[in-house]
Amino acid sequence: MVGISELAKNVAKKAGVSQKQAKAVIKAFVDEVIDQVNKGNKVNLVGFGIFERRVQKARKARNPRTKELIRVPEKKKFAFRPSGKIKYL
């Protein structure tokens, strides 16, 4: 798994900036994507994918311990839909 530090190191080399600057830009980018999605906007990065908020409908589930049916309320989930370029690499 690659973390922010490793990404920043590679981005810094490719962009010709310091690792500290690259890390700051990556963190700012991630924060902005999260803020926009939380506001209800979709973030579309052409050739990469779409970040969006999806609603998972309310449903009934069974408590595995008691076998009792329970109602699970609807949830808003953060989702990423990769572009076709990424799906089939």
N, C-alpha and C. Protein backbone atom coordinates (compact mmCIF):
# COMPACT_ATOMS: atom_id res chain seq x y z
N MET A 1 0.84 -1.17 0.00
CA MET A 1 0.00 0.00 0.00
C MET A 1 0.89 1.24 0.00
N VAL A 2 0.46 2.25 -0.72
CA VAL A 2 1.22 3.48 -0.83
C VAL A 2 0.48 4.56 -0.04
N GLY A 3 1.20 5.26 0.82
CA GLY A 3 0.62 6.33 1.61
C GLY A 3 0.93 7.70 1.02
N ILE A 4 0.49 8.74 1.72
CA ILE A 4 0.68 10.11 1.25
C ILE A 4 2.17 10.44 1.12
N SER A 5 2.97 9.99 2.06
CA SER A 5 4.41 10.29 2.01
C SER A 5 5.06 9.72 0.76
N GLU A 6 4.72 8.48 0.42
CA GLU A 6 5.29 7.85 -0.77
C GLU A 6 4.78 8.54 -2.04
N LEU A 7 3.49 8.87 -2.06
CA LEU A 7 2.94 9.61 -3.20
C LEU A 7 3.65 10.95 -3.35
N ALA A 8 3.81 11.65 -2.22
CA ALA A 8 4.46 12.96 -2.26
C ALA A 8 5.88 12.86 -2.78
N LYS A 9 6.57 11.81 -2.41
CA LYS A 9 7.94 11.61 -2.87
C LYS A 9 7.98 11.46 -4.40
N ASN A 10 7.08 10.63 -4.93
CA ASN A 10 7.03 10.40 -6.38
C ASN A 10 6.54 11.63 -7.14
N VAL A 11 5.53 12.31 -6.61
CA VAL A 11 5.01 13.52 -7.26
C VAL A 11 6.07 14.61 -7.25
N ALA A 12 6.80 14.74 -6.16
CA ALA A 12 7.85 15.76 -6.06
C ALA A 12 8.91 15.56 -7.14
N LYS A 13 9.29 14.30 -7.36
CA LYS A 13 10.28 14.01 -8.40
C LYS A 13 9.75 14.39 -9.78
N LYS A 14 8.50 14.01 -10.07
CA LYS A 14 7.92 14.26 -11.39
C LYS A 14 7.64 15.74 -11.63
N ALA A 15 7.26 16.46 -10.58
CA ALA A 15 6.88 17.87 -10.74
C ALA A 15 8.05 18.82 -10.50
N GLY A 16 9.15 18.31 -9.97
CA GLY A 16 10.30 19.16 -9.71
C GLY A 16 10.09 20.11 -8.54
N VAL A 17 9.35 19.64 -7.53
CA VAL A 17 9.12 20.45 -6.32
C VAL A 17 9.59 19.64 -5.12
N SER A 18 9.57 20.28 -3.95
CA SER A 18 10.00 19.58 -2.74
C SER A 18 8.91 18.59 -2.30
N GLN A 19 9.33 17.60 -1.50
CA GLN A 19 8.37 16.63 -0.99
C GLN A 19 7.35 17.31 -0.07
N LYS A 20 7.80 18.32 0.65
CA LYS A 20 6.91 19.04 1.55
C LYS A 20 5.81 19.76 0.76
N GLN A 21 6.19 20.39 -0.35
CA GLN A 21 5.21 21.07 -1.20
C GLN A 21 4.24 20.07 -1.83
N ALA A 22 4.77 18.97 -2.30
CA ALA A 22 3.93 17.94 -2.93
C ALA A 22 2.94 17.37 -1.93
N LYS A 23 3.40 17.13 -0.72
CA LYS A 23 2.52 16.58 0.33
C LYS A 23 1.41 17.57 0.67
N ALA A 24 1.75 18.86 0.74
CA ALA A 24 0.75 19.89 1.03
C ALA A 24 -0.31 19.96 -0.07
N VAL A 25 0.11 19.85 -1.32
CA VAL A 25 -0.83 19.89 -2.44
C VAL A 25 -1.74 18.66 -2.42
N ILE A 26 -1.17 17.49 -2.17
CA ILE A 26 -1.98 16.26 -2.13
C ILE A 26 -3.02 16.35 -1.02
N LYS A 27 -2.60 16.80 0.16
CA LYS A 27 -3.54 16.94 1.28
C LYS A 27 -4.64 17.94 0.96
N ALA A 28 -4.27 19.07 0.35
CA ALA A 28 -5.25 20.09 -0.01
C ALA A 28 -6.23 19.54 -1.04
N PHE A 29 -5.74 18.77 -2.00
CA PHE A 29 -6.59 18.17 -3.02
C PHE A 29 -7.60 17.22 -2.39
N VAL A 30 -7.13 16.34 -1.53
CA VAL A 30 -8.02 15.37 -0.87
C VAL A 30 -9.07 16.09 -0.04
N ASP A 31 -8.66 17.12 0.71
CA ASP A 31 -9.61 17.89 1.53
C ASP A 31 -10.66 18.56 0.65
N GLU A 32 -10.26 19.11 -0.48
CA GLU A 32 -11.21 19.78 -1.38
C GLU A 32 -12.19 18.79 -2.00
N VAL A 33 -11.71 17.61 -2.39
CA VAL A 33 -12.61 16.58 -2.93
C VAL A 33 -13.64 16.20 -1.88
N ILE A 34 -13.21 15.98 -0.66
CA ILE A 34 -14.13 15.61 0.42
C ILE A 34 -15.14 16.73 0.67
N ASP A 35 -14.69 17.97 0.71
CA ASP A 35 -15.60 19.11 0.93
C ASP A 35 -16.65 19.20 -0.17
N GLN A 36 -16.23 19.07 -1.42
CA GLN A 36 -17.16 19.17 -2.53
C GLN A 36 -18.19 18.04 -2.53
N VAL A 37 -17.73 16.84 -2.25
CA VAL A 37 -18.66 15.69 -2.22
C VAL A 37 -19.63 15.83 -1.06
N ASN A 38 -19.15 16.31 0.09
CA ASN A 38 -20.04 16.50 1.23
C ASN A 38 -21.08 17.60 0.98
N LYS A 39 -20.78 18.52 0.06
CA LYS A 39 -21.74 19.57 -0.32
C LYS A 39 -22.76 19.05 -1.33
N GLY A 40 -22.57 17.82 -1.80
CA GLY A 40 -23.51 17.23 -2.76
C GLY A 40 -23.04 17.32 -4.19
N ASN A 41 -21.84 17.79 -4.43
CA ASN A 41 -21.30 17.90 -5.78
C ASN A 41 -20.57 16.61 -6.17
N LYS A 42 -20.56 16.31 -7.46
CA LYS A 42 -19.74 15.23 -7.98
C LYS A 42 -18.42 15.84 -8.43
N VAL A 43 -17.34 15.14 -8.18
CA VAL A 43 -16.02 15.59 -8.63
C VAL A 43 -15.59 14.63 -9.73
N ASN A 44 -15.51 15.16 -10.96
CA ASN A 44 -15.17 14.35 -12.12
C ASN A 44 -13.76 14.67 -12.57
N LEU A 45 -12.88 13.69 -12.46
CA LEU A 45 -11.51 13.83 -12.94
C LEU A 45 -11.40 12.98 -14.20
N VAL A 46 -11.42 13.64 -15.34
CA VAL A 46 -11.44 12.95 -16.63
C VAL A 46 -10.24 12.01 -16.74
N GLY A 47 -10.51 10.77 -17.11
CA GLY A 47 -9.47 9.77 -17.24
C GLY A 47 -9.13 9.08 -15.94
N PHE A 48 -9.73 9.51 -14.83
CA PHE A 48 -9.47 8.90 -13.53
C PHE A 48 -10.75 8.33 -12.94
N GLY A 49 -11.76 9.19 -12.73
CA GLY A 49 -13.02 8.71 -12.19
C GLY A 49 -13.84 9.82 -11.57
N ILE A 50 -14.94 9.41 -10.94
CA ILE A 50 -15.88 10.36 -10.33
C ILE A 50 -16.03 10.02 -8.85
N PHE A 51 -15.90 11.05 -8.02
CA PHE A 51 -16.16 10.93 -6.60
C PHE A 51 -17.56 11.50 -6.37
N GLU A 52 -18.39 10.77 -5.61
CA GLU A 52 -19.75 11.24 -5.39
C GLU A 52 -20.32 10.68 -4.09
N ARG A 53 -21.46 11.24 -3.71
CA ARG A 53 -22.18 10.78 -2.52
C ARG A 53 -23.38 9.98 -3.03
N ARG A 54 -23.54 8.76 -2.56
CA ARG A 54 -24.68 7.92 -2.95
C ARG A 54 -25.51 7.60 -1.73
N VAL A 55 -26.80 7.43 -1.95
CA VAL A 55 -27.71 7.08 -0.87
C VAL A 55 -27.98 5.59 -0.92
N GLN A 56 -27.70 4.92 0.20
CA GLN A 56 -28.04 3.51 0.31
C GLN A 56 -29.41 3.45 0.97
N LYS A 57 -30.36 2.85 0.31
CA LYS A 57 -31.74 2.81 0.80
C LYS A 57 -31.84 2.09 2.13
N ALA A 58 -32.89 2.45 2.88
CA ALA A 58 -33.18 1.75 4.14
C ALA A 58 -33.52 0.31 3.79
N ARG A 59 -33.20 -0.59 4.72
CA ARG A 59 -33.46 -2.00 4.46
C ARG A 59 -33.68 -2.74 5.77
N LYS A 60 -34.13 -3.96 5.63
CA LYS A 60 -34.29 -4.82 6.81
C LYS A 60 -33.11 -5.78 6.84
N ALA A 61 -32.62 -6.04 8.04
CA ALA A 61 -31.51 -6.97 8.21
C ALA A 61 -31.79 -7.83 9.42
N ARG A 62 -31.02 -8.85 9.59
CA ARG A 62 -31.22 -9.76 10.72
C ARG A 62 -30.02 -9.66 11.66
N ASN A 63 -30.31 -9.49 12.95
CA ASN A 63 -29.27 -9.49 13.96
C ASN A 63 -28.75 -10.92 14.07
N PRO A 64 -27.46 -11.16 13.76
CA PRO A 64 -26.95 -12.53 13.76
C PRO A 64 -26.97 -13.19 15.14
N ARG A 65 -26.93 -12.39 16.17
CA ARG A 65 -26.90 -12.95 17.52
C ARG A 65 -28.29 -13.39 17.98
N THR A 66 -29.30 -12.51 17.75
CA THR A 66 -30.65 -12.80 18.25
C THR A 66 -31.60 -13.29 17.17
N LYS A 67 -31.18 -13.22 15.91
CA LYS A 67 -31.99 -13.59 14.75
C LYS A 67 -33.21 -12.68 14.57
N GLU A 68 -33.22 -11.57 15.28
CA GLU A 68 -34.33 -10.61 15.20
C GLU A 68 -34.17 -9.73 13.97
N LEU A 69 -35.28 -9.43 13.30
CA LEU A 69 -35.25 -8.51 12.17
C LEU A 69 -35.14 -7.09 12.69
N ILE A 70 -34.23 -6.33 12.09
CA ILE A 70 -34.06 -4.92 12.48
C ILE A 70 -34.12 -4.06 11.23
N ARG A 71 -34.46 -2.80 11.42
CA ARG A 71 -34.52 -1.86 10.31
C ARG A 71 -33.21 -1.06 10.29
N VAL A 72 -32.55 -1.07 9.16
CA VAL A 72 -31.32 -0.30 8.98
C VAL A 72 -31.70 0.97 8.21
N PRO A 73 -31.45 2.15 8.79
CA PRO A 73 -31.85 3.39 8.11
C PRO A 73 -31.01 3.65 6.87
N GLU A 74 -31.50 4.55 6.02
CA GLU A 74 -30.73 4.89 4.83
C GLU A 74 -29.45 5.61 5.23
N LYS A 75 -28.42 5.44 4.39
CA LYS A 75 -27.11 6.05 4.66
C LYS A 75 -26.63 6.77 3.43
N LYS A 76 -25.87 7.82 3.65
CA LYS A 76 -25.19 8.49 2.55
C LYS A 76 -23.76 8.00 2.55
N LYS A 77 -23.34 7.42 1.43
CA LYS A 77 -22.01 6.83 1.34
C LYS A 77 -21.14 7.59 0.34
N PHE A 78 -19.87 7.68 0.65
CA PHE A 78 -18.88 8.27 -0.25
C PHE A 78 -18.50 7.19 -1.25
N ALA A 79 -18.56 7.51 -2.54
CA ALA A 79 -18.29 6.49 -3.56
C ALA A 79 -17.33 7.02 -4.62
N PHE A 80 -16.58 6.10 -5.19
CA PHE A 80 -15.69 6.42 -6.30
C PHE A 80 -16.03 5.49 -7.45
N ARG A 81 -16.25 6.06 -8.62
CA ARG A 81 -16.55 5.28 -9.82
C ARG A 81 -15.39 5.51 -10.79
N PRO A 82 -14.55 4.49 -10.98
CA PRO A 82 -13.37 4.66 -11.84
C PRO A 82 -13.76 4.81 -13.30
N SER A 83 -12.91 5.52 -14.04
CA SER A 83 -13.15 5.68 -15.48
C SER A 83 -12.84 4.36 -16.17
N GLY A 84 -13.26 4.24 -17.40
CA GLY A 84 -12.99 3.04 -18.18
C GLY A 84 -11.51 2.77 -18.35
N LYS A 85 -10.70 3.81 -18.36
CA LYS A 85 -9.26 3.64 -18.53
C LYS A 85 -8.67 2.88 -17.34
N ILE A 86 -9.19 3.10 -16.15
CA ILE A 86 -8.66 2.44 -14.97
C ILE A 86 -9.25 1.05 -14.80
N LYS A 87 -10.52 0.89 -15.10
CA LYS A 87 -11.20 -0.39 -14.89
C LYS A 87 -10.51 -1.54 -15.60
N TYR A 88 -10.00 -1.30 -16.79
CA TYR A 88 -9.52 -2.41 -17.61
C TYR A 88 -8.01 -2.42 -17.82
N LEU A 89 -7.27 -1.85 -16.88
CA LEU A 89 -5.80 -1.89 -17.00
C LEU A 89 -5.28 -3.22 -16.51
